[in-house]
C-alpha atoms as a PDB file:
ATOM      1  CA  MET A   1     -25.181  13.211  23.276  1.00  0.00           C
ATOM      2  CA  ALA A   2     -24.920   9.430  22.976  1.00  0.00           C
ATOM      3  CA  GLY A   3     -25.438   9.665  19.210  1.00  0.00           C
ATOM      4  CA  LYS A   4     -22.646  12.204  18.900  1.00  0.00           C
ATOM      5  CA  GLU A   5     -20.279  10.029  20.938  1.00  0.00           C
ATOM      6  CA  ARG A   6     -21.128   7.067  18.727  1.00  0.00           C
ATOM      7  CA  LYS A   7     -20.274   9.051  15.590  1.00  0.00           C
ATOM      8  CA  VAL A   8     -16.934  10.071  17.116  1.00  0.00           C
ATOM      9  CA  GLU A   9     -16.156   6.436  17.973  1.00  0.00           C
ATOM     10  CA  LEU A  10     -17.014   5.263  14.458  1.00  0.00           C
ATOM     11  CA  ARG A  11     -14.864   7.979  12.857  1.00  0.00           C
ATOM     12  CA  SER A  12     -11.956   7.110  15.150  1.00  0.00           C
ATOM     13  CA  ALA A  13     -12.213   3.454  14.172  1.00  0.00           C
ATOM     14  CA  VAL A  14     -12.324   4.373  10.477  1.00  0.00           C
ATOM     15  CA  MET A  15      -9.249   6.575  10.805  1.00  0.00           C
ATOM     16  CA  ARG A  16      -7.306   3.937  12.765  1.00  0.00           C
ATOM     17  CA  LYS A  17      -8.013   1.403  10.014  1.00  0.00           C
ATOM     18  CA  ASN A  18      -7.024   3.923   7.335  1.00  0.00           C
ATOM     19  CA  ASP A  19      -3.746   4.696   9.104  1.00  0.00           C
ATOM     20  CA  ARG A  20      -2.868   1.005   9.460  1.00  0.00           C
ATOM     21  CA  ILE A  21      -3.332   0.520   5.720  1.00  0.00           C
ATOM     22  CA  ALA A  22      -1.392   3.728   5.027  1.00  0.00           C
ATOM     23  CA  ASP A  23       1.532   2.420   7.083  1.00  0.00           C
ATOM     24  CA  GLY A  24       1.506  -0.651   4.835  1.00  0.00           C
ATOM     25  CA  ASN A  25       1.549   1.596   1.762  1.00  0.00           C
ATOM     26  CA  ARG A  26       4.512   3.473   3.200  1.00  0.00           C
ATOM     27  CA  ALA A  27       6.400   0.221   3.706  1.00  0.00           C
ATOM     28  CA  VAL A  28       5.792  -0.734   0.063  1.00  0.00           C
ATOM     29  CA  LEU A  29       7.017   2.655  -1.123  1.00  0.00           C
ATOM     30  CA  ASP A  30      10.070   2.562   1.123  1.00  0.00           C
ATOM     31  CA  SER A  31      11.045  -0.896  -0.070  1.00  0.00           C
ATOM     32  CA  ALA A  32      10.884   0.375  -3.663  1.00  0.00           C
ATOM     33  CA  ARG A  33      12.810   3.568  -2.762  1.00  0.00           C
ATOM     34  CA  LEU A  34       9.918   5.469  -4.302  1.00  0.00           C
ATOM     35  CA  LEU A  35       9.299   8.989  -2.967  1.00  0.00           C
ATOM     36  CA  CYS A  36       5.562   9.654  -2.780  1.00  0.00           C
ATOM     37  CA  LEU A  37       3.955  13.100  -2.922  1.00  0.00           C
ATOM     38  CA  ASN A  38       0.244  13.587  -2.134  1.00  0.00           C
ATOM     39  CA  LEU A  39      -0.911  16.597  -4.204  1.00  0.00           C
ATOM     40  CA  MET A  40      -4.093  18.380  -3.098  1.00  0.00           C
ATOM     41  CA  SER A  41      -5.921  21.436  -4.400  1.00  0.00           C
ATOM     42  CA  SER A  42      -9.319  22.684  -5.467  1.00  0.00           C
ATOM     43  CA  PRO A  43     -10.600  21.746  -8.954  1.00  0.00           C
ATOM     44  CA  GLY A  44      -8.998  23.823 -11.675  1.00  0.00           C
ATOM     45  CA  ALA A  45      -5.937  24.888  -9.707  1.00  0.00           C
ATOM     46  CA  GLY A  46      -3.704  23.145 -12.239  1.00  0.00           C
ATOM     47  CA  LYS A  47      -2.706  19.814 -10.673  1.00  0.00           C
ATOM     48  CA  THR A  48      -2.839  17.810 -13.895  1.00  0.00           C
ATOM     49  CA  THR A  49      -1.021  20.456 -15.935  1.00  0.00           C
ATOM     50  CA  LEU A  50       1.689  20.456 -13.271  1.00  0.00           C
ATOM     51  CA  LEU A  51       1.972  16.677 -13.590  1.00  0.00           C
ATOM     52  CA  GLU A  52       2.242  16.966 -17.361  1.00  0.00           C
ATOM     53  CA  ARG A  53       5.250  19.255 -16.918  1.00  0.00           C
ATOM     54  CA  LEU A  54       6.812  16.859 -14.385  1.00  0.00           C
ATOM     55  CA  ALA A  55       6.159  13.944 -16.736  1.00  0.00           C
ATOM     56  CA  GLU A  56       7.901  15.780 -19.563  1.00  0.00           C
ATOM     57  CA  ARG A  57      10.928  16.271 -17.317  1.00  0.00           C
ATOM     58  CA  LEU A  58      11.023  12.948 -15.444  1.00  0.00           C
ATOM     59  CA  GLY A  59       9.627  10.556 -18.049  1.00  0.00           C
ATOM     60  CA  ASP A  60       9.804   6.946 -16.873  1.00  0.00           C
ATOM     61  CA  GLY A  61      11.160   8.109 -13.515  1.00  0.00           C
ATOM     62  CA  LEU A  62       7.659   9.229 -12.539  1.00  0.00           C
ATOM     63  CA  ALA A  63       4.478   7.302 -11.827  1.00  0.00           C
ATOM     64  CA  VAL A  64       1.146   8.967 -11.052  1.00  0.00           C
ATOM     65  CA  ILE A  65      -2.004   7.798  -9.309  1.00  0.00           C
ATOM     66  CA  GLU A  66      -4.942   9.887 -10.473  1.00  0.00           C
ATOM     67  CA  GLY A  67      -7.976  10.301  -8.229  1.00  0.00           C
ATOM     68  CA  ASP A  68     -11.136  11.483  -9.958  1.00  0.00           C
ATOM     69  CA  VAL A  69     -14.844  10.972  -9.497  1.00  0.00           C
ATOM     70  CA  GLN A  70     -15.108   9.679 -13.057  1.00  0.00           C
ATOM     71  CA  THR A  71     -13.184   9.217 -16.385  1.00  0.00           C
ATOM     72  CA  ARG A  72      -9.512   8.580 -17.253  1.00  0.00           C
ATOM     73  CA  ARG A  73      -9.001  12.011 -18.778  1.00  0.00           C
ATOM     74  CA  ASP A  74      -6.285  13.154 -16.381  1.00  0.00           C
ATOM     75  CA  ALA A  75      -4.443   9.822 -16.567  1.00  0.00           C
ATOM     76  CA  GLU A  76      -4.452  10.041 -20.347  1.00  0.00           C
ATOM     77  CA  ARG A  77      -2.876  13.505 -20.201  1.00  0.00           C
ATOM     78  CA  VAL A  78      -0.055  12.259 -17.967  1.00  0.00           C
ATOM     79  CA  GLU A  79       0.543   9.232 -20.200  1.00  0.00           C
ATOM     80  CA  ALA A  80       0.689  11.448 -23.286  1.00  0.00           C
ATOM     81  CA  ALA A  81       3.310  13.590 -21.527  1.00  0.00           C
ATOM     82  CA  GLY A  82       5.560  10.559 -20.987  1.00  0.00           C
ATOM     83  CA  SER A  83       4.878   8.955 -17.585  1.00  0.00           C
ATOM     84  CA  PHE A  84       2.911   6.012 -16.227  1.00  0.00           C
ATOM     85  CA  ALA A  85      -0.533   6.806 -14.791  1.00  0.00           C
ATOM     86  CA  TYR A  86      -3.033   4.682 -12.872  1.00  0.00           C
ATOM     87  CA  GLN A  87      -6.606   5.967 -12.583  1.00  0.00           C
ATOM     88  CA  ILE A  88      -8.781   5.564  -9.490  1.00  0.00           C
ATOM     89  CA  GLU A  89     -12.423   6.492 -10.107  1.00  0.00           C
ATOM     90  CA  THR A  90     -13.958   7.256  -6.715  1.00  0.00           C
ATOM     91  CA  GLY A  91     -17.563   7.056  -7.879  1.00  0.00           C
ATOM     92  CA  GLY A  92     -18.552  10.154  -5.943  1.00  0.00           C
ATOM     93  CA  SER A  93     -16.192  10.168  -2.980  1.00  0.00           C
ATOM     94  CA  CYS A  94     -14.518  13.541  -2.387  1.00  0.00           C
ATOM     95  CA  HIS A  95     -11.093  12.100  -1.466  1.00  0.00           C
ATOM     96  CA  LEU A  96      -8.782   9.137  -1.771  1.00  0.00           C
ATOM     97  CA  ASP A  97      -8.190   6.890   1.220  1.00  0.00           C
ATOM     98  CA  ALA A  98      -5.371   4.501   2.043  1.00  0.00           C
ATOM     99  CA  ALA A  99      -7.329   1.427   0.954  1.00  0.00           C
ATOM    100  CA  ALA A 100      -7.863   2.842  -2.544  1.00  0.00           C
ATOM    101  CA  VAL A 101      -4.152   3.622  -2.839  1.00  0.00           C
ATOM    102  CA  SER A 102      -3.249   0.170  -1.517  1.00  0.00           C
ATOM    103  CA  GLY A 103      -5.363  -1.423  -4.238  1.00  0.00           C
ATOM    104  CA  ALA A 104      -3.695   0.742  -6.854  1.00  0.00           C
ATOM    105  CA  LEU A 105      -0.198  -0.178  -5.644  1.00  0.00           C
ATOM    106  CA  GLU A 106      -1.087  -3.873  -5.844  1.00  0.00           C
ATOM    107  CA  GLU A 107      -2.302  -3.422  -9.421  1.00  0.00           C
ATOM    108  CA  MET A 108       0.806  -1.423 -10.351  1.00  0.00           C
ATOM    109  CA  ALA A 109       3.274  -3.985  -8.964  1.00  0.00           C
ATOM    110  CA  PRO A 110       5.925  -5.028  -9.745  1.00  0.00           C
ATOM    111  CA  PHE A 111       7.288  -1.501 -10.033  1.00  0.00           C
ATOM    112  CA  PRO A 112       9.800  -0.787 -12.815  1.00  0.00           C
ATOM    113  CA  ARG A 113      13.266  -0.050 -11.443  1.00  0.00           C
ATOM    114  CA  SER A 114      13.242   3.278 -13.311  1.00  0.00           C
ATOM    115  CA  TRP A 115      10.519   4.732 -11.072  1.00  0.00           C
ATOM    116  CA  ARG A 116      11.887   7.221  -8.523  1.00  0.00           C
ATOM    117  CA  PHE A 117       8.773   9.247  -7.752  1.00  0.00           C
ATOM    118  CA  LEU A 118       5.083   8.577  -7.259  1.00  0.00           C
ATOM    119  CA  VAL A 119       2.670  11.506  -7.208  1.00  0.00           C
ATOM    120  CA  ILE A 120      -0.886  10.964  -6.027  1.00  0.00           C
ATOM    121  CA  GLU A 121      -3.203  13.544  -7.565  1.00  0.00           C
ATOM    122  CA  ASN A 122      -5.980  13.615  -5.006  1.00  0.00           C
ATOM    123  CA  VAL A 123      -9.587  14.494  -5.802  1.00  0.00           C
ATOM    124  CA  GLY A 124     -10.058  18.249  -6.287  1.00  0.00           C
ATOM    125  CA  ASN A 125     -11.133  19.447  -2.845  1.00  0.00           C
ATOM    126  CA  LEU A 126      -9.567  21.605  -0.128  1.00  0.00           C
ATOM    127  CA  ILE A 127     -11.326  19.856   2.780  1.00  0.00           C
ATOM    128  CA  CYS A 128     -11.755  16.069   2.649  1.00  0.00           C
ATOM    129  CA  PRO A 129      -8.384  14.894   1.239  1.00  0.00           C
ATOM    130  CA  SER A 130      -6.364  16.493   4.033  1.00  0.00           C
ATOM    131  CA  GLY A 131      -7.919  14.196   6.634  1.00  0.00           C
ATOM    132  CA  PHE A 132      -6.597  10.947   5.162  1.00  0.00           C
ATOM    133  CA  TYR A 133      -2.981   9.796   5.392  1.00  0.00           C
ATOM    134  CA  LEU A 134      -2.193   7.640   2.356  1.00  0.00           C
ATOM    135  CA  GLY A 135       1.361   6.562   3.187  1.00  0.00           C
ATOM    136  CA  GLU A 136       3.019   9.478   1.382  1.00  0.00           C
ATOM    137  CA  HIS A 137       6.368  10.992   2.292  1.00  0.00           C
ATOM    138  CA  LEU A 138       5.373  14.548   1.346  1.00  0.00           C
ATOM    139  CA  THR A 139       2.108  16.481   1.163  1.00  0.00           C
ATOM    140  CA  ALA A 140       1.506  19.491  -1.047  1.00  0.00           C
ATOM    141  CA  GLY A 141      -1.359  21.962  -1.051  1.00  0.00           C
ATOM    142  CA  MET A 142      -1.687  24.055  -4.183  1.00  0.00           C
ATOM    143  CA  LEU A 143      -3.374  27.424  -4.692  1.00  0.00           C
ATOM    144  CA  SER A 144      -3.691  29.262  -7.988  1.00  0.00           C
ATOM    145  CA  LEU A 145      -3.862  33.003  -8.509  1.00  0.00           C
ATOM    146  CA  PRO A 146      -7.456  33.026  -9.856  1.00  0.00           C
ATOM    147  CA  GLU A 147      -8.671  31.492  -6.570  1.00  0.00           C
ATOM    148  CA  GLY A 148      -7.623  34.498  -4.496  1.00  0.00           C
ATOM    149  CA  ASP A 149      -5.081  34.848  -1.697  1.00  0.00           C
ATOM    150  CA  ASP A 150      -7.546  34.394   1.179  1.00  0.00           C
ATOM    151  CA  LYS A 151      -7.944  30.622   1.030  1.00  0.00           C
ATOM    152  CA  VAL A 152      -5.260  29.547   3.499  1.00  0.00           C
ATOM    153  CA  LEU A 153      -7.062  30.541   6.696  1.00  0.00           C
ATOM    154  CA  LYS A 154     -10.393  29.396   5.254  1.00  0.00           C
ATOM    155  CA  TYR A 155      -8.995  25.866   4.891  1.00  0.00           C
ATOM    156  CA  PRO A 156      -6.628  25.423   7.858  1.00  0.00           C
ATOM    157  CA  GLY A 157      -7.114  21.662   7.951  1.00  0.00           C
ATOM    158  CA  LEU A 158      -5.086  21.408   4.755  1.00  0.00           C
ATOM    159  CA  PHE A 159      -2.598  24.248   5.011  1.00  0.00           C
ATOM    160  CA  SER A 160      -1.685  23.612   8.638  1.00  0.00           C
ATOM    161  CA  LYS A 161      -0.198  20.222   7.772  1.00  0.00           C
ATOM    162  CA  VAL A 162       1.280  20.358   4.251  1.00  0.00           C
ATOM    163  CA  ASP A 163       5.023  20.138   3.668  1.00  0.00           C
ATOM    164  CA  LEU A 164       4.773  22.246   0.515  1.00  0.00           C
ATOM    165  CA  MET A 165       2.528  25.123  -0.461  1.00  0.00           C
ATOM    166  CA  LEU A 166       2.593  25.545  -4.229  1.00  0.00           C
ATOM    167  CA  ILE A 167       1.328  28.819  -5.700  1.00  0.00           C
ATOM    168  CA  ASN A 168       0.427  28.100  -9.315  1.00  0.00           C
ATOM    169  CA  LYS A 169      -0.359  30.274 -12.361  1.00  0.00           C
ATOM    170  CA  THR A 170       2.265  32.868 -11.502  1.00  0.00           C
ATOM    171  CA  ASP A 171       2.216  33.798 -15.203  1.00  0.00           C
ATOM    172  CA  LEU A 172      -0.890  35.795 -14.194  1.00  0.00           C
ATOM    173  CA  ASP A 173       0.999  37.790 -11.571  1.00  0.00           C
ATOM    174  CA  GLY A 174       0.136  41.471 -11.918  1.00  0.00           C
ATOM    175  CA  LYS A 175      -3.065  40.688 -13.802  1.00  0.00           C
ATOM    176  CA  LEU A 176      -5.002  39.453 -10.762  1.00  0.00           C
ATOM    177  CA  PRO A 177      -5.204  40.838  -7.204  1.00  0.00           C
ATOM    178  CA  PHE A 178      -3.339  37.936  -5.589  1.00  0.00           C
ATOM    179  CA  ASP A 179      -0.847  38.757  -2.825  1.00  0.00           C
ATOM    180  CA  SER A 180       1.612  35.850  -2.674  1.00  0.00           C
ATOM    181  CA  GLY A 181       3.234  37.346   0.406  1.00  0.00           C
ATOM    182  CA  ARG A 182      -0.078  37.290   2.255  1.00  0.00           C
ATOM    183  CA  ALA A 183      -0.741  33.671   1.293  1.00  0.00           C
ATOM    184  CA  GLU A 184       2.724  32.631   2.457  1.00  0.00           C
ATOM    185  CA  GLU A 185       2.517  34.613   5.694  1.00  0.00           C
ATOM    186  CA  GLU A 186      -0.866  33.129   6.587  1.00  0.00           C
ATOM    187  CA  CYS A 187       0.353  29.613   5.791  1.00  0.00           C
ATOM    188  CA  ARG A 188       3.427  30.098   8.003  1.00  0.00           C
ATOM    189  CA  SER A 189       1.183  31.344  10.817  1.00  0.00           C
ATOM    190  CA  LEU A 190      -0.356  27.852  10.809  1.00  0.00           C
ATOM    191  CA  ASN A 191       2.668  25.896   9.658  1.00  0.00           C
ATOM    192  CA  PRO A 192       6.038  27.612  10.287  1.00  0.00           C
ATOM    193  CA  ASP A 193       8.171  24.950   8.579  1.00  0.00           C
ATOM    194  CA  VAL A 194       6.253  24.848   5.286  1.00  0.00           C
ATOM    195  CA  THR A 195       8.210  25.230   2.040  1.00  0.00           C
ATOM    196  CA  VAL A 196       6.595  27.699  -0.375  1.00  0.00           C
ATOM    197  CA  LEU A 197       7.212  27.556  -4.110  1.00  0.00           C
ATOM    198  CA  GLY A 198       5.712  29.729  -6.829  1.00  0.00           C
ATOM    199  CA  LEU A 199       5.362  28.188 -10.269  1.00  0.00           C
ATOM    200  CA  SER A 200       3.515  28.247 -13.545  1.00  0.00           C
ATOM    201  CA  ALA A 201       2.516  24.838 -14.819  1.00  0.00           C
ATOM    202  CA  LEU A 202       1.485  26.535 -18.066  1.00  0.00           C
ATOM    203  CA  ASP A 203       4.884  27.936 -19.026  1.00  0.00           C
ATOM    204  CA  GLY A 204       7.007  25.571 -16.926  1.00  0.00           C
ATOM    205  CA  SER A 205       8.590  28.073 -14.558  1.00  0.00           C
ATOM    206  CA  GLY A 206       9.280  26.569 -11.135  1.00  0.00           C
ATOM    207  CA  ILE A 207       9.010  22.980 -12.360  1.00  0.00           C
ATOM    208  CA  GLU A 208      12.777  22.458 -12.258  1.00  0.00           C
ATOM    209  CA  GLU A 209      12.862  23.723  -8.674  1.00  0.00           C
ATOM    210  CA  LEU A 210      10.028  21.380  -7.649  1.00  0.00           C
ATOM    211  CA  ALA A 211      11.707  18.376  -9.296  1.00  0.00           C
ATOM    212  CA  ASP A 212      14.995  19.245  -7.582  1.00  0.00           C
ATOM    213  CA  LEU A 213      13.242  19.530  -4.212  1.00  0.00           C
ATOM    214  CA  MET A 214      11.660  16.108  -4.712  1.00  0.00           C
ATOM    215  CA  GLU A 215      15.044  14.607  -5.622  1.00  0.00           C
ATOM    216  CA  GLN A 216      16.660  16.158  -2.539  1.00  0.00           C
ATOM    217  CA  ARG A 217      13.980  14.671  -0.303  1.00  0.00           C
ATOM    218  CA  ARG A 218      14.379  11.303  -1.978  1.00  0.00           C
ATOM    219  CA  GLN A 219      18.132  11.349  -1.470  1.00  0.00           C
ATOM    220  CA  ARG A 220      17.628  12.326   2.153  1.00  0.00           C
ATOM    221  CA  LEU A 221      15.288   9.380   2.690  1.00  0.00           C
ATOM    222  CA  PHE A 222      16.978   6.677   0.653  1.00  0.00           C
ATOM    223  CA  GLY A 223      20.518   7.862  -0.011  1.00  0.00           C
END
């Protein structure tokens, strides 16, 4: 019992430290009037393809922090699509934490005045990333049709707290047994105020709506 209590105390201390650093990140972002979105999903759901489409639309208005275990491959894709990208290699960690993002923001400074949005592409994982506040203004959890429509209640830690649920690869609708209505209903059972958006990062449908939503939130925050 004592060992379990000790583990709880250590985790609480770690999370308090993370949240203090995250609050500092938020202050940096606010001072730059930079809306930050923390994007989470399983590997292969289409996060990087989505960011390519956003980069094509937003260009130098978008900056991206890429979190991967290894390589700059995703950052290179975003750069080729027209936006700035900073790569964090976690070296095995299954999530980004506030300290890693803080280090990235320091390296990225001073921010160009053209930047309006920062998207953090978290490490592909539906469990670990949801436990760490990074200083973001918005969180998004993404599912794709090939994953199946039963994932929301299997991963409540993520879907109970996201601002946005993105359903990607809608170009496959009708070809796979994915019930978008079920996924949305189960997410709202955990998280009644969530915004749900279907999109296809492959063909670009829904990207305009996502960019508009981000701009609306930015205007609401910063005027």
